[in-house]
Protein backbone atom coordinates (compact mmCIF):
# COMPACT_ATOMS: atom_id res chain seq x y z
CA MET A 1 194.83 64.88 -40.42
CA THR A 2 196.41 66.54 -36.62
CA ASP A 3 193.81 67.23 -34.78
CA LEU A 4 194.12 69.50 -31.29
CA TRP A 5 192.34 69.95 -28.35
CA ASP A 6 192.44 72.69 -25.89
CA GLY A 7 195.85 73.77 -28.27
CA VAL A 8 197.46 70.27 -27.69
CA PRO A 9 198.08 68.35 -30.76
CA LEU A 10 197.06 65.29 -30.35
CA ALA A 11 198.69 62.07 -32.10
CA ASP A 12 198.32 61.15 -35.47
CA ALA A 13 196.32 58.27 -36.22
CA ALA A 14 195.33 55.52 -39.52
CA GLN A 15 192.76 52.90 -40.11
CA VAL A 16 192.53 49.90 -37.09
CA LYS A 17 191.66 46.20 -37.38
CA ASP A 18 189.27 44.45 -35.91
CA ASN A 19 189.31 43.53 -32.25
CA GLU A 20 191.20 46.39 -30.72
CA PRO A 21 190.44 49.41 -29.31
CA ILE A 22 188.15 51.57 -30.66
CA HIS A 23 189.98 54.82 -30.46
CA TYR A 24 188.27 57.52 -31.90
CA ARG A 25 187.20 61.62 -32.45
CA ILE A 26 184.13 63.26 -33.26
CA HIS A 27 184.60 66.39 -35.55
CA ASP A 28 182.01 68.97 -36.57
CA VAL A 29 182.05 68.53 -40.33
CA ASP A 30 181.76 72.14 -41.38
CA GLY A 31 184.41 73.87 -38.85
CA ALA A 32 186.30 69.92 -39.26
CA GLY A 33 186.32 71.20 -35.09
CA LEU A 34 187.46 68.56 -32.76
CA LEU A 35 184.46 67.93 -30.18
CA GLY A 36 185.44 65.06 -28.28
CA PHE A 37 187.01 61.90 -28.48
CA GLY A 38 187.71 58.67 -26.73
CA THR A 39 188.83 54.79 -25.91
CA ALA A 40 186.45 52.01 -26.33
CA ARG A 41 186.60 48.18 -25.43
CA PRO A 42 185.90 46.31 -29.08
CA GLY A 43 182.39 44.58 -29.83
CA PRO A 44 179.21 45.76 -29.19
CA SER A 45 179.44 47.44 -25.82
CA GLY A 46 181.87 49.53 -26.71
CA TRP A 47 180.28 50.90 -30.12
CA LEU A 48 176.96 51.67 -27.46
CA GLN A 49 179.62 53.40 -25.26
CA ILE A 50 181.00 55.27 -28.28
CA ALA A 51 176.79 56.02 -29.45
CA SER A 52 176.50 57.52 -25.98
CA HIS A 53 179.58 59.59 -26.36
CA HIS A 54 178.11 61.15 -29.87
CA ALA A 55 174.71 61.73 -28.58
CA ARG A 56 176.14 63.61 -25.62
CA VAL A 57 178.36 65.80 -28.20
CA GLN A 58 175.34 66.15 -30.68
CA ALA A 59 173.43 67.66 -28.15
CA ALA A 60 176.34 70.45 -26.38
CA HIS A 61 176.11 71.53 -30.24
CA PRO A 62 172.48 71.19 -31.96
CA GLY A 63 172.36 71.90 -35.64
CA ARG A 64 175.93 70.58 -36.34
CA PHE A 65 176.22 68.38 -38.31
CA LEU A 66 178.99 65.38 -36.75
CA LEU A 67 181.83 63.24 -38.36
CA LEU A 68 183.06 60.10 -36.26
CA ARG A 69 186.44 59.02 -37.24
CA ARG A 70 187.94 55.70 -35.67
CA TYR A 71 191.74 55.82 -35.15
CA ASP A 72 194.51 53.02 -34.64
CA ARG A 73 195.89 54.25 -31.42
CA PRO A 74 194.91 56.80 -28.12
CA ALA A 75 194.69 60.40 -29.08
CA GLY A 76 198.08 60.91 -26.34
CA ASP A 77 199.77 60.00 -23.59
CA GLU A 78 198.17 63.04 -21.58
CA PHE A 79 194.60 61.28 -22.81
CA ASP A 80 193.61 58.66 -21.03
CA HIS A 81 189.60 59.39 -20.69
CA GLU A 82 186.30 60.14 -22.58
CA VAL A 83 186.72 64.10 -23.53
CA GLY A 84 184.00 66.02 -24.53
CA PRO A 85 180.63 67.62 -23.30
CA ALA A 86 179.90 65.51 -20.20
CA ALA A 87 182.36 63.00 -20.06
CA ASP A 88 182.80 60.62 -17.23
């Protein structure tokens, strides 16, 4: 699935192995729209970062059902940080 962020296509990606950076995207299940994405370190601290980002996206879009997908690479060379509501 090719995602767009502000009209710019993100790199397609596949499933990943453990102990690699966690590249992820957060979609709106109903509309399949991309609401946020980022990269986190492997391990528990990375998953906490993702959970925090997911919570911020959910707060910005109340009532929507979200889907979190993990990918094998970042969204693209021009995206080197967390993107979405209240991104740091």
